[in-house]
Amino acid sequence: MSDSSTQGIKTVLHPVSDLEAAKATYTALLGVPPSADGSYYVGFDAEGQHIGLVPGGGPQGMTSPVTFWHVTDIEAKLAEVTAAGAAVKEPAHDVGHGRLVATVTDPDGNVLGLLQDPQ
């Protein structure tokens, strides 16, 4: 049996309309330069958290920040939360280097992210 516990919220993605302006603001706020800096994504690692900026909401079409709960077994956690009433918004998929992400909506429509790092 796999462990489907969470490791807490460690990643928060923010949709932004102007990536360069947002990058300057978050650099000043966090006090660190971006750890990932591309035209499609800018990410910061600060104090054990990852803060990401996604232009135009990215392929997920985010309209508000989404918190990502880190899990050890994304498929098991998806099964567990959907059995408890959540609905899959975006199934688990690889976003690069073996990192898997998925999103679900809770019964009130709030979007919750799940993230599994490669093991």
PDB file of N, CA and C in Angstrom:
ATOM      1  N   MET A   1       0.841  -1.182   0.000  1.00  0.00           N
ATOM      2  CA  MET A   1       0.000   0.000   0.000  1.00  0.00           C
ATOM      3  C   MET A   1       0.880   1.237   0.000  1.00  0.00           C
ATOM      4  N   SER A   2       0.567   2.213  -0.851  1.00  0.00           N
ATOM      5  CA  SER A   2       1.386   3.412  -0.945  1.00  0.00           C
ATOM      6  C   SER A   2       0.927   4.462   0.060  1.00  0.00           C
ATOM      7  N   ASP A   3       1.840   5.342   0.367  1.00  0.00           N
ATOM      8  CA  ASP A   3       1.564   6.424   1.312  1.00  0.00           C
ATOM      9  C   ASP A   3       0.966   7.591   0.546  1.00  0.00           C
ATOM     10  N   SER A   4      -0.268   7.965   0.873  1.00  0.00           N
ATOM     11  CA  SER A   4      -0.903   9.065   0.152  1.00  0.00           C
ATOM     12  C   SER A   4      -1.020  10.317   1.013  1.00  0.00           C
ATOM     13  N   SER A   5      -0.168  10.433   2.040  1.00  0.00           N
ATOM     14  CA  SER A   5      -0.212  11.610   2.898  1.00  0.00           C
ATOM     15  C   SER A   5       0.321  12.834   2.157  1.00  0.00           C
ATOM     16  N   THR A   6      -0.009  14.001   2.686  1.00  0.00           N
ATOM     17  CA  THR A   6       0.518  15.226   2.090  1.00  0.00           C
ATOM     18  C   THR A   6       1.748  15.676   2.850  1.00  0.00           C
ATOM     19  N   GLN A   7       2.557  16.458   2.183  1.00  0.00           N
ATOM     20  CA  GLN A   7       3.757  17.033   2.772  1.00  0.00           C
ATOM     21  C   GLN A   7       3.573  18.533   2.981  1.00  0.00           C
ATOM     22  N   GLY A   8       2.334  18.989   2.883  1.00  0.00           N
ATOM     23  CA  GLY A   8       2.035  20.406   3.092  1.00  0.00           C
ATOM     24  C   GLY A   8       2.013  21.197   1.796  1.00  0.00           C
ATOM     25  N   ILE A   9       1.610  22.453   1.930  1.00  0.00           N
ATOM     26  CA  ILE A   9       1.608  23.365   0.788  1.00  0.00           C
ATOM     27  C   ILE A   9       3.009  23.933   0.663  1.00  0.00           C
ATOM     28  N   LYS A  10       3.649  23.639  -0.455  1.00  0.00           N
ATOM     29  CA  LYS A  10       5.002  24.135  -0.691  1.00  0.00           C
ATOM     30  C   LYS A  10       5.088  24.957  -1.973  1.00  0.00           C
ATOM     31  N   THR A  11       4.035  24.906  -2.792  1.00  0.00           N
ATOM     32  CA  THR A  11       4.052  25.595  -4.083  1.00  0.00           C
ATOM     33  C   THR A  11       2.765  26.382  -4.248  1.00  0.00           C
ATOM     34  N   VAL A  12       2.907  27.650  -4.648  1.00  0.00           N
ATOM     35  CA  VAL A  12       1.755  28.488  -4.952  1.00  0.00           C
ATOM     36  C   VAL A  12       2.012  29.144  -6.300  1.00  0.00           C
ATOM     37  N   LEU A  13       1.079  28.953  -7.235  1.00  0.00           N
ATOM     38  CA  LEU A  13       1.195  29.565  -8.561  1.00  0.00           C
ATOM     39  C   LEU A  13       0.229  30.739  -8.665  1.00  0.00           C
ATOM     40  N   HIS A  14       0.744  31.847  -9.197  1.00  0.00           N
ATOM     41  CA  HIS A  14      -0.051  33.057  -9.367  1.00  0.00           C
ATOM     42  C   HIS A  14      -0.176  33.384 -10.856  1.00  0.00           C
ATOM     43  N   PRO A  15      -1.404  33.548 -11.361  1.00  0.00           N
ATOM     44  CA  PRO A  15      -1.554  34.008 -12.745  1.00  0.00           C
ATOM     45  C   PRO A  15      -1.215  35.495 -12.794  1.00  0.00           C
ATOM     46  N   VAL A  16      -0.505  35.916 -13.832  1.00  0.00           N
ATOM     47  CA  VAL A  16      -0.127  37.326 -13.962  1.00  0.00           C
ATOM     48  C   VAL A  16      -0.388  37.803 -15.390  1.00  0.00           C
ATOM     49  N   SER A  17      -0.688  39.087 -15.514  1.00  0.00           N
ATOM     50  CA  SER A  17      -0.938  39.649 -16.838  1.00  0.00           C
ATOM     51  C   SER A  17       0.338  40.216 -17.459  1.00  0.00           C
ATOM     52  N   ASP A  18       1.295  40.650 -16.638  1.00  0.00           N
ATOM     53  CA  ASP A  18       2.557  41.218 -17.123  1.00  0.00           C
ATOM     54  C   ASP A  18       3.680  40.511 -16.382  1.00  0.00           C
ATOM     55  N   LEU A  19       4.302  39.533 -17.020  1.00  0.00           N
ATOM     56  CA  LEU A  19       5.303  38.693 -16.379  1.00  0.00           C
ATOM     57  C   LEU A  19       6.501  39.503 -15.889  1.00  0.00           C
ATOM     58  N   GLU A  20       6.992  40.436 -16.684  1.00  0.00           N
ATOM     59  CA  GLU A  20       8.162  41.236 -16.288  1.00  0.00           C
ATOM     60  C   GLU A  20       7.862  42.110 -15.083  1.00  0.00           C
ATOM     61  N   ALA A  21       6.699  42.754 -15.065  1.00  0.00           N
ATOM     62  CA  ALA A  21       6.324  43.597 -13.926  1.00  0.00           C
ATOM     63  C   ALA A  21       6.151  42.740 -12.672  1.00  0.00           C
ATOM     64  N   ALA A  22       5.495  41.593 -12.815  1.00  0.00           N
ATOM     65  CA  ALA A  22       5.289  40.703 -11.671  1.00  0.00           C
ATOM     66  C   ALA A  22       6.629  40.175 -11.168  1.00  0.00           C
ATOM     67  N   LYS A  23       7.541  39.837 -12.083  1.00  0.00           N
ATOM     68  CA  LYS A  23       8.856  39.325 -11.683  1.00  0.00           C
ATOM     69  C   LYS A  23       9.580  40.342 -10.814  1.00  0.00           C
ATOM     70  N   ALA A  24       9.536  41.620 -11.190  1.00  0.00           N
ATOM     71  CA  ALA A  24      10.188  42.664 -10.395  1.00  0.00           C
ATOM     72  C   ALA A  24       9.553  42.773  -9.009  1.00  0.00           C
ATOM     73  N   THR A  25       8.240  42.731  -8.962  1.00  0.00           N
ATOM     74  CA  THR A  25       7.524  42.840  -7.679  1.00  0.00           C
ATOM     75  C   THR A  25       7.854  41.664  -6.764  1.00  0.00           C
ATOM     76  N   TYR A  26       7.793  40.441  -7.291  1.00  0.00           N
ATOM     77  CA  TYR A  26       8.044  39.261  -6.460  1.00  0.00           C
ATOM     78  C   TYR A  26       9.519  39.151  -6.076  1.00  0.00           C
ATOM     79  N   THR A  27      10.429  39.612  -6.928  1.00  0.00           N
ATOM     80  CA  THR A  27      11.847  39.633  -6.569  1.00  0.00           C
ATOM     81  C   THR A  27      12.053  40.549  -5.370  1.00  0.00           C
ATOM     82  N   ALA A  28      11.418  41.725  -5.403  1.00  0.00           N
ATOM     83  CA  ALA A  28      11.524  42.657  -4.278  1.00  0.00           C
ATOM     84  C   ALA A  28      10.871  42.079  -3.020  1.00  0.00           C
ATOM     85  N   LEU A  29       9.700  41.473  -3.168  1.00  0.00           N
ATOM     86  CA  LEU A  29       8.986  40.912  -2.028  1.00  0.00           C
ATOM     87  C   LEU A  29       9.771  39.780  -1.365  1.00  0.00           C
ATOM     88  N   LEU A  30      10.270  38.852  -2.176  1.00  0.00           N
ATOM     89  CA  LEU A  30      10.916  37.654  -1.645  1.00  0.00           C
ATOM     90  C   LEU A  30      12.391  37.851  -1.324  1.00  0.00           C
ATOM     91  N   GLY A  31      13.006  38.866  -1.936  1.00  0.00           N
ATOM     92  CA  GLY A  31      14.409  39.148  -1.664  1.00  0.00           C
ATOM     93  C   GLY A  31      15.381  38.182  -2.305  1.00  0.00           C
ATOM     94  N   VAL A  32      14.920  37.430  -3.310  1.00  0.00           N
ATOM     95  CA  VAL A  32      15.783  36.493  -4.030  1.00  0.00           C
ATOM     96  C   VAL A  32      15.480  36.601  -5.521  1.00  0.00           C
ATOM     97  N   PRO A  33      16.477  36.318  -6.372  1.00  0.00           N
ATOM     98  CA  PRO A  33      16.205  36.300  -7.807  1.00  0.00           C
ATOM     99  C   PRO A  33      15.442  35.039  -8.180  1.00  0.00           C
ATOM    100  N   PRO A  34      14.820  35.026  -9.358  1.00  0.00           N
ATOM    101  CA  PRO A  34      14.105  33.818  -9.798  1.00  0.00           C
ATOM    102  C   PRO A  34      15.045  32.620  -9.929  1.00  0.00           C
ATOM    103  N   SER A  35      14.539  31.443  -9.574  1.00  0.00           N
ATOM    104  CA  SER A  35      15.299  30.205  -9.780  1.00  0.00           C
ATOM    105  C   SER A  35      14.976  29.612 -11.148  1.00  0.00           C
ATOM    106  N   ALA A  36      13.841  30.015 -11.720  1.00  0.00           N
ATOM    107  CA  ALA A  36      13.443  29.641 -13.081  1.00  0.00           C
ATOM    108  C   ALA A  36      12.936  30.910 -13.732  1.00  0.00           C
ATOM    109  N   ASP A  37      13.447  31.236 -14.907  1.00  0.00           N
ATOM    110  CA  ASP A  37      13.096  32.507 -15.534  1.00  0.00           C
ATOM    111  C   ASP A  37      12.930  32.316 -17.033  1.00  0.00           C
ATOM    112  N   GLY A  38      11.683  32.089 -17.452  1.00  0.00           N
ATOM    113  CA  GLY A  38      11.401  31.896 -18.864  1.00  0.00           C
ATOM    114  C   GLY A  38      10.248  32.759 -19.301  1.00  0.00           C
ATOM    115  N   SER A  39       9.926  32.705 -20.574  1.00  0.00           N
ATOM    116  CA  SER A  39       8.819  33.504 -21.101  1.00  0.00           C
ATOM    117  C   SER A  39       7.461  32.936 -20.726  1.00  0.00           C
ATOM    118  N   TYR A  40       7.441  31.655 -20.305  1.00  0.00           N
ATOM    119  CA  TYR A  40       6.184  30.980 -19.982  1.00  0.00           C
ATOM    120  C   TYR A  40       6.024  30.723 -18.484  1.00  0.00           C
ATOM    121  N   TYR A  41       7.093  31.000 -17.690  1.00  0.00           N
ATOM    122  CA  TYR A  41       7.032  30.708 -16.257  1.00  0.00           C
ATOM    123  C   TYR A  41       8.222  31.347 -15.560  1.00  0.00           C
ATOM    124  N   VAL A  42       7.968  31.969 -14.414  1.00  0.00           N
ATOM    125  CA  VAL A  42       9.036  32.474 -13.561  1.00  0.00           C
ATOM    126  C   VAL A  42       8.781  31.905 -12.175  1.00  0.00           C
ATOM    127  N   GLY A  43       9.791  31.269 -11.597  1.00  0.00           N
ATOM    128  CA  GLY A  43       9.631  30.652 -10.288  1.00  0.00           C
ATOM    129  C   GLY A  43      10.684  31.116  -9.311  1.00  0.00           C
ATOM    130  N   PHE A  44      10.294  31.192  -8.049  1.00  0.00           N
ATOM    131  CA  PHE A  44      11.177  31.610  -6.967  1.00  0.00           C
ATOM    132  C   PHE A  44      11.183  30.535  -5.885  1.00  0.00           C
ATOM    133  N   ASP A  45      12.358  30.265  -5.317  1.00  0.00           N
ATOM    134  CA  ASP A  45      12.469  29.371  -4.176  1.00  0.00           C
ATOM    135  C   ASP A  45      12.885  30.210  -2.980  1.00  0.00           C
ATOM    136  N   ALA A  46      12.004  30.300  -1.989  1.00  0.00           N
ATOM    137  CA  ALA A  46      12.278  31.123  -0.814  1.00  0.00           C
ATOM    138  C   ALA A  46      11.718  30.457   0.433  1.00  0.00           C
ATOM    139  N   GLU A  47      12.566  30.284   1.414  1.00  0.00           N
ATOM    140  CA  GLU A  47      12.146  29.761   2.722  1.00  0.00           C
ATOM    141  C   GLU A  47      11.367  28.446   2.620  1.00  0.00           C
ATOM    142  N   GLY A  48      11.834  27.542   1.759  1.00  0.00           N
ATOM    143  CA  GLY A  48      11.214  26.227   1.641  1.00  0.00           C
ATOM    144  C   GLY A  48       9.946  26.184   0.813  1.00  0.00           C
ATOM    145  N   GLN A  49       9.611  27.301   0.175  1.00  0.00           N
ATOM    146  CA  GLN A  49       8.427  27.336  -0.682  1.00  0.00           C
ATOM    147  C   GLN A  49       8.826  27.712  -2.098  1.00  0.00           C
ATOM    148  N   HIS A  50       7.977  27.316  -3.049  1.00  0.00           N
ATOM    149  CA  HIS A  50       8.170  27.702  -4.436  1.00  0.00           C
ATOM    150  C   HIS A  50       6.992  28.582  -4.843  1.00  0.00           C
ATOM    151  N   ILE A  51       7.300  29.782  -5.308  1.00  0.00           N
ATOM    152  CA  ILE A  51       6.287  30.721  -5.769  1.00  0.00           C
ATOM    153  C   ILE A  51       6.459  30.861  -7.275  1.00  0.00           C
ATOM    154  N   GLY A  52       5.404  30.549  -8.026  1.00  0.00           N
ATOM    155  CA  GLY A  52       5.487  30.593  -9.477  1.00  0.00           C
ATOM    156  C   GLY A  52       4.571  31.646 -10.068  1.00  0.00           C
ATOM    157  N   LEU A  53       5.036  32.274 -11.137  1.00  0.00           N
ATOM    158  CA  LEU A  53       4.262  33.267 -11.876  1.00  0.00           C
ATOM    159  C   LEU A  53       3.955  32.685 -13.252  1.00  0.00           C
ATOM    160  N   VAL A  54       2.669  32.648 -13.587  1.00  0.00           N
ATOM    161  CA  VAL A  54       2.223  32.027 -14.830  1.00  0.00           C
ATOM    162  C   VAL A  54       1.501  33.079 -15.667  1.00  0.00           C
ATOM    163  N   PRO A  55       2.086  33.482 -16.807  1.00  0.00           N
ATOM    164  CA  PRO A  55       1.427  34.505 -17.622  1.00  0.00           C
ATOM    165  C   PRO A  55       0.097  34.026 -18.190  1.00  0.00           C
ATOM    166  N   GLY A  56      -0.912  34.851 -18.074  1.00  0.00           N
ATOM    167  CA  GLY A  56      -2.224  34.540 -18.635  1.00  0.00           C
ATOM    168  C   GLY A  56      -2.886  33.312 -18.035  1.00  0.00           C
ATOM    169  N   GLY A  57      -2.438  32.859 -16.882  1.00  0.00           N
ATOM    170  CA  GLY A  57      -3.026  31.680 -16.250  1.00  0.00           C
ATOM    171  C   GLY A  57      -2.478  30.373 -16.790  1.00  0.00           C
ATOM    172  N   GLY A  58      -1.577  30.445 -17.782  1.00  0.00           N
ATOM    173  CA  GLY A  58      -0.961  29.242 -18.334  1.00  0.00           C
ATOM    174  C   GLY A  58      -1.976  28.302 -18.957  1.00  0.00           C
ATOM    175  N   PRO A  59      -1.540  27.072 -19.271  1.00  0.00           N
ATOM    176  CA  PRO A  59      -2.455  26.105 -19.893  1.00  0.00           C
ATOM    177  C   PRO A  59      -3.616  25.721 -18.984  1.00  0.00           C
ATOM    178  N   GLN A  60      -3.452  25.933 -17.662  1.00  0.00           N
ATOM    179  CA  GLN A  60      -4.529  25.604 -16.732  1.00  0.00           C
ATOM    180  C   GLN A  60      -5.616  26.674 -16.725  1.00  0.00           C
ATOM    181  N   GLY A  61      -5.335  27.859 -17.305  1.00  0.00           N
ATOM    182  CA  GLY A  61      -6.310  28.945 -17.337  1.00  0.00           C
ATOM    183  C   GLY A  61      -6.657  29.475 -15.952  1.00  0.00           C
ATOM    184  N   MET A  62      -5.672  29.507 -15.054  1.00  0.00           N
ATOM    185  CA  MET A  62      -5.913  29.975 -13.691  1.00  0.00           C
ATOM    186  C   MET A  62      -6.384  31.432 -13.692  1.00  0.00           C
ATOM    187  N   THR A  63      -7.328  31.733 -12.835  1.00  0.00           N
ATOM    188  CA  THR A  63      -7.787  33.111 -12.680  1.00  0.00           C
ATOM    189  C   THR A  63      -7.490  33.643 -11.285  1.00  0.00           C
ATOM    190  N   SER A  64      -7.021  32.768 -10.401  1.00  0.00           N
ATOM    191  CA  SER A  64      -6.616  33.180  -9.063  1.00  0.00           C
ATOM    192  C   SER A  64      -5.476  32.259  -8.633  1.00  0.00           C
ATOM    193  N   PRO A  65      -4.733  32.623  -7.582  1.00  0.00           N
ATOM    194  CA  PRO A  65      -3.638  31.749  -7.149  1.00  0.00           C
ATOM    195  C   PRO A  65      -4.136  30.347  -6.814  1.00  0.00           C
ATOM    196  N   VAL A  66      -3.290  29.366  -7.083  1.00  0.00           N
ATOM    197  CA  VAL A  66      -3.599  27.974  -6.765  1.00  0.00           C
ATOM    198  C   VAL A  66      -2.489  27.435  -5.872  1.00  0.00           C
ATOM    199  N   THR A  67      -2.887  26.875  -4.728  1.00  0.00           N
ATOM    200  CA  THR A  67      -1.924  26.249  -3.830  1.00  0.00           C
ATOM    201  C   THR A  67      -1.762  24.789  -4.230  1.00  0.00           C
ATOM    202  N   PHE A  68      -0.547  24.318  -4.161  1.00  0.00           N
ATOM    203  CA  PHE A  68      -0.255  22.941  -4.518  1.00  0.00           C
ATOM    204  C   PHE A  68       0.237  22.189  -3.289  1.00  0.00           C
ATOM    205  N   TRP A  69      -0.545  21.171  -2.907  1.00  0.00           N
ATOM    206  CA  TRP A  69      -0.178  20.283  -1.816  1.00  0.00           C
ATOM    207  C   TRP A  69       0.786  19.255  -2.369  1.00  0.00           C
ATOM    208  N   HIS A  70       1.938  19.109  -1.748  1.00  0.00           N
ATOM    209  CA  HIS A  70       2.911  18.115  -2.175  1.00  0.00           C
ATOM    210  C   HIS A  70       2.519  16.768  -1.588  1.00  0.00           C
ATOM    211  N   VAL A  71       2.500  15.755  -2.446  1.00  0.00           N
ATOM    212  CA  VAL A  71       2.080  14.411  -2.041  1.00  0.00           C
ATOM    213  C   VAL A  71       3.112  13.391  -2.510  1.00  0.00           C
ATOM    214  N   THR A  72       3.092  12.236  -1.876  1.00  0.00           N
ATOM    215  CA  THR A  72       4.031  11.175  -2.243  1.00  0.00           C
ATOM    216  C   THR A  72       3.474  10.259  -3.321  1.00  0.00           C
ATOM    217  N   ASP A  73       2.136  10.217  -3.452  1.00  0.00           N
ATOM    218  CA  ASP A  73       1.494   9.354  -4.451  1.00  0.00           C
ATOM    219  C   ASP A  73       0.278  10.096  -5.003  1.00  0.00           C
ATOM    220  N   ILE A  74       0.467  10.771  -6.122  1.00  0.00           N
ATOM    221  CA  ILE A  74      -0.580  11.649  -6.653  1.00  0.00           C
ATOM    222  C   ILE A  74      -1.829  10.875  -7.067  1.00  0.00           C
ATOM    223  N   GLU A  75      -1.665   9.693  -7.648  1.00  0.00           N
ATOM    224  CA  GLU A  75      -2.834   8.919  -8.080  1.00  0.00           C
ATOM    225  C   GLU A  75      -3.657   8.457  -6.879  1.00  0.00           C
ATOM    226  N   ALA A  76      -2.980   8.022  -5.817  1.00  0.00           N
ATOM    227  CA  ALA A  76      -3.691   7.603  -4.610  1.00  0.00           C
ATOM    228  C   ALA A  76      -4.422   8.783  -3.983  1.00  0.00           C
ATOM    229  N   LYS A  77      -3.781   9.947  -3.952  1.00  0.00           N
ATOM    230  CA  LYS A  77      -4.418  11.121  -3.353  1.00  0.00           C
ATOM    231  C   LYS A  77      -5.585  11.585  -4.215  1.00  0.00           C
ATOM    232  N   LEU A  78      -5.452  11.523  -5.547  1.00  0.00           N
ATOM    233  CA  LEU A  78      -6.578  11.870  -6.419  1.00  0.00           C
ATOM    234  C   LEU A  78      -7.765  10.956  -6.152  1.00  0.00           C
ATOM    235  N   ALA A  79      -7.506   9.678  -6.025  1.00  0.00           N
ATOM    236  CA  ALA A  79      -8.588   8.729  -5.751  1.00  0.00           C
ATOM    237  C   ALA A  79      -9.235   9.031  -4.406  1.00  0.00           C
ATOM    238  N   GLU A  80      -8.428   9.352  -3.423  1.00  0.00           N
ATOM    239  CA  GLU A  80      -8.929   9.623  -2.075  1.00  0.00           C
ATOM    240  C   GLU A  80      -9.799  10.886  -2.043  1.00  0.00           C
ATOM    241  N   VAL A  81      -9.326  11.968  -2.669  1.00  0.00           N
ATOM    242  CA  VAL A  81     -10.096  13.221  -2.599  1.00  0.00           C
ATOM    243  C   VAL A  81     -11.332  13.185  -3.498  1.00  0.00           C
ATOM    244  N   THR A  82     -11.268  12.473  -4.622  1.00  0.00           N
ATOM    245  CA  THR A  82     -12.473  12.376  -5.456  1.00  0.00           C
ATOM    246  C   THR A  82     -13.517  11.490  -4.786  1.00  0.00           C
ATOM    247  N   ALA A  83     -13.081  10.457  -4.084  1.00  0.00           N
ATOM    248  CA  ALA A  83     -14.035   9.624  -3.338  1.00  0.00           C
ATOM    249  C   ALA A  83     -14.709  10.432  -2.232  1.00  0.00           C
ATOM    250  N   ALA A  84     -14.017  11.469  -1.760  1.00  0.00           N
ATOM    251  CA  ALA A  84     -14.556  12.309  -0.688  1.00  0.00           C
ATOM    252  C   ALA A  84     -15.368  13.497  -1.225  1.00  0.00           C
ATOM    253  N   GLY A  85     -15.521  13.605  -2.561  1.00  0.00           N
ATOM    254  CA  GLY A  85     -16.384  14.647  -3.112  1.00  0.00           C
ATOM    255  C   GLY A  85     -15.729  15.669  -4.009  1.00  0.00           C
ATOM    256  N   ALA A  86     -14.402  15.647  -4.161  1.00  0.00           N
ATOM    257  CA  ALA A  86     -13.737  16.569  -5.079  1.00  0.00           C
ATOM    258  C   ALA A  86     -13.935  16.092  -6.519  1.00  0.00           C
ATOM    259  N   ALA A  87     -13.810  17.020  -7.465  1.00  0.00           N
ATOM    260  CA  ALA A  87     -13.914  16.684  -8.886  1.00  0.00           C
ATOM    261  C   ALA A  87     -12.585  16.995  -9.573  1.00  0.00           C
ATOM    262  N   VAL A  88     -12.134  16.076 -10.415  1.00  0.00           N
ATOM    263  CA  VAL A  88     -10.883  16.302 -11.142  1.00  0.00           C
ATOM    264  C   VAL A  88     -11.086  17.429 -12.142  1.00  0.00           C
ATOM    265  N   LYS A  89     -10.236  18.433 -12.060  1.00  0.00           N
ATOM    266  CA  LYS A  89     -10.242  19.546 -13.016  1.00  0.00           C
ATOM    267  C   LYS A  89      -9.190  19.277 -14.087  1.00  0.00           C
ATOM    268  N   GLU A  90      -8.017  18.859 -13.656  1.00  0.00           N
ATOM    269  CA  GLU A  90      -6.918  18.559 -14.562  1.00  0.00           C
ATOM    270  C   GLU A  90      -6.238  17.286 -14.061  1.00  0.00           C
ATOM    271  N   PRO A  91      -6.295  16.182 -14.824  1.00  0.00           N
ATOM    272  CA  PRO A  91      -5.696  14.935 -14.355  1.00  0.00           C
ATOM    273  C   PRO A  91      -4.179  15.055 -14.207  1.00  0.00           C
ATOM    274  N   ALA A  92      -3.602  14.129 -13.480  1.00  0.00           N
ATOM    275  CA  ALA A  92      -2.158  14.122 -13.265  1.00  0.00           C
ATOM    276  C   ALA A  92      -1.419  14.058 -14.593  1.00  0.00           C
ATOM    277  N   HIS A  93      -0.427  14.916 -14.726  1.00  0.00           N
ATOM    278  CA  HIS A  93       0.405  14.913 -15.922  1.00  0.00           C
ATOM    279  C   HIS A  93       1.798  15.436 -15.584  1.00  0.00           C
ATOM    280  N   ASP A  94       2.754  15.059 -16.384  1.00  0.00           N
ATOM    281  CA  ASP A  94       4.149  15.431 -16.181  1.00  0.00           C
ATOM    282  C   ASP A  94       4.368  16.844 -16.717  1.00  0.00           C
ATOM    283  N   VAL A  95       4.926  17.712 -15.876  1.00  0.00           N
ATOM    284  CA  VAL A  95       5.220  19.084 -16.310  1.00  0.00           C
ATOM    285  C   VAL A  95       6.716  19.269 -16.533  1.00  0.00           C
ATOM    286  N   GLY A  96       7.447  18.191 -16.550  1.00  0.00           N
ATOM    287  CA  GLY A  96       8.874  18.237 -16.837  1.00  0.00           C
ATOM    288  C   GLY A  96       9.697  17.596 -15.735  1.00  0.00           C
ATOM    289  N   HIS A  97      10.700  16.850 -16.143  1.00  0.00           N
ATOM    290  CA  HIS A  97      11.647  16.223 -15.227  1.00  0.00           C
ATOM    291  C   HIS A  97      10.973  15.265 -14.250  1.00  0.00           C
ATOM    292  N   GLY A  98       9.837  14.672 -14.641  1.00  0.00           N
ATOM    293  CA  GLY A  98       9.161  13.702 -13.802  1.00  0.00           C
ATOM    294  C   GLY A  98       8.244  14.278 -12.736  1.00  0.00           C
ATOM    295  N   ARG A  99       8.121  15.592 -12.675  1.00  0.00           N
ATOM    296  CA  ARG A  99       7.215  16.230 -11.698  1.00  0.00           C
ATOM    297  C   ARG A  99       5.790  16.114 -12.226  1.00  0.00           C
ATOM    298  N   LEU A 100       4.904  15.553 -11.379  1.00  0.00           N
ATOM    299  CA  LEU A 100       3.503  15.377 -11.753  1.00  0.00           C
ATOM    300  C   LEU A 100       2.637  16.396 -11.020  1.00  0.00           C
ATOM    301  N   VAL A 101       1.676  16.969 -11.741  1.00  0.00           N
ATOM    302  CA  VAL A 101       0.717  17.882 -11.119  1.00  0.00           C
ATOM    303  C   VAL A 101      -0.690  17.508 -11.565  1.00  0.00           C
ATOM    304  N   ALA A 102      -1.651  17.848 -10.728  1.00  0.00           N
ATOM    305  CA  ALA A 102      -3.071  17.661 -11.034  1.00  0.00           C
ATOM    306  C   ALA A 102      -3.824  18.721 -10.247  1.00  0.00           C
ATOM    307  N   THR A 103      -5.031  19.041 -10.704  1.00  0.00           N
ATOM    308  CA  THR A 103      -5.883  19.935  -9.929  1.00  0.00           C
ATOM    309  C   THR A 103      -7.258  19.312  -9.789  1.00  0.00           C
ATOM    310  N   VAL A 104      -7.891  19.629  -8.654  1.00  0.00           N
ATOM    311  CA  VAL A 104      -9.252  19.187  -8.369  1.00  0.00           C
ATOM    312  C   VAL A 104     -10.019  20.410  -7.875  1.00  0.00           C
ATOM    313  N   THR A 105     -11.330  20.307  -7.891  1.00  0.00           N
ATOM    314  CA  THR A 105     -12.151  21.342  -7.270  1.00  0.00           C
ATOM    315  C   THR A 105     -12.868  20.720  -6.082  1.00  0.00           C
ATOM    316  N   ASP A 106     -12.940  21.498  -5.007  1.00  0.00           N
ATOM    317  CA  ASP A 106     -13.670  21.022  -3.838  1.00  0.00           C
ATOM    318  C   ASP A 106     -15.165  21.252  -4.073  1.00  0.00           C
ATOM    319  N   PRO A 107     -16.030  20.835  -3.167  1.00  0.00           N
ATOM    320  CA  PRO A 107     -17.475  20.987  -3.391  1.00  0.00           C
ATOM    321  C   PRO A 107     -17.950  22.429  -3.600  1.00  0.00           C
ATOM    322  N   ASP A 108     -17.124  23.411  -3.184  1.00  0.00           N
ATOM    323  CA  ASP A 108     -17.484  24.819  -3.394  1.00  0.00           C
ATOM    324  C   ASP A 108     -16.842  25.426  -4.635  1.00  0.00           C
ATOM    325  N   GLY A 109     -16.122  24.609  -5.404  1.00  0.00           N
ATOM    326  CA  GLY A 109     -15.498  25.090  -6.628  1.00  0.00           C
ATOM    327  C   GLY A 109     -14.097  25.647  -6.455  1.00  0.00           C
ATOM    328  N   ASN A 110     -13.545  25.598  -5.247  1.00  0.00           N
ATOM    329  CA  ASN A 110     -12.167  26.048  -5.035  1.00  0.00           C
ATOM    330  C   ASN A 110     -11.209  25.080  -5.706  1.00  0.00           C
ATOM    331  N   VAL A 111     -10.195  25.620  -6.367  1.00  0.00           N
ATOM    332  CA  VAL A 111      -9.214  24.778  -7.052  1.00  0.00           C
ATOM    333  C   VAL A 111      -8.078  24.440  -6.092  1.00  0.00           C
ATOM    334  N   LEU A 112      -7.788  23.148  -5.993  1.00  0.00           N
ATOM    335  CA  LEU A 112      -6.699  22.646  -5.158  1.00  0.00           C
ATOM    336  C   LEU A 112      -5.716  21.911  -6.059  1.00  0.00           C
ATOM    337  N   GLY A 113      -4.434  22.188  -5.885  1.00  0.00           N
ATOM    338  CA  GLY A 113      -3.420  21.533  -6.681  1.00  0.00           C
ATOM    339  C   GLY A 113      -2.732  20.425  -5.911  1.00  0.00           C
ATOM    340  N   LEU A 114      -2.344  19.389  -6.626  1.00  0.00           N
ATOM    341  CA  LEU A 114      -1.550  18.293  -6.085  1.00  0.00           C
ATOM    342  C   LEU A 114      -0.265  18.223  -6.881  1.00  0.00           C
ATOM    343  N   LEU A 115       0.851  17.967  -6.209  1.00  0.00           N
ATOM    344  CA  LEU A 115       2.150  17.930  -6.866  1.00  0.00           C
ATOM    345  C   LEU A 115       2.961  16.773  -6.297  1.00  0.00           C
ATOM    346  N   GLN A 116       3.499  15.950  -7.187  1.00  0.00           N
ATOM    347  CA  GLN A 116       4.369  14.847  -6.789  1.00  0.00           C
ATOM    348  C   GLN A 116       5.708  15.007  -7.479  1.00  0.00           C
ATOM    349  N   ASP A 117       6.765  15.133  -6.679  1.00  0.00           N
ATOM    350  CA  ASP A 117       8.104  15.206  -7.247  1.00  0.00           C
ATOM    351  C   ASP A 117       8.591  13.815  -7.588  1.00  0.00           C
ATOM    352  N   PRO A 118       9.537  13.706  -8.521  1.00  0.00           N
ATOM    353  CA  PRO A 118      10.073  12.383  -8.882  1.00  0.00           C
ATOM    354  C   PRO A 118      10.670  11.692  -7.653  1.00  0.00           C
ATOM    355  N   GLN A 119      10.526  10.388  -7.642  1.00  0.00           N
ATOM    356  CA  GLN A 119      11.040   9.644  -6.474  1.00  0.00           C
ATOM    357  C   GLN A 119      12.290   8.880  -6.806  1.00  0.00           C
TER     358      GLN A 119
END
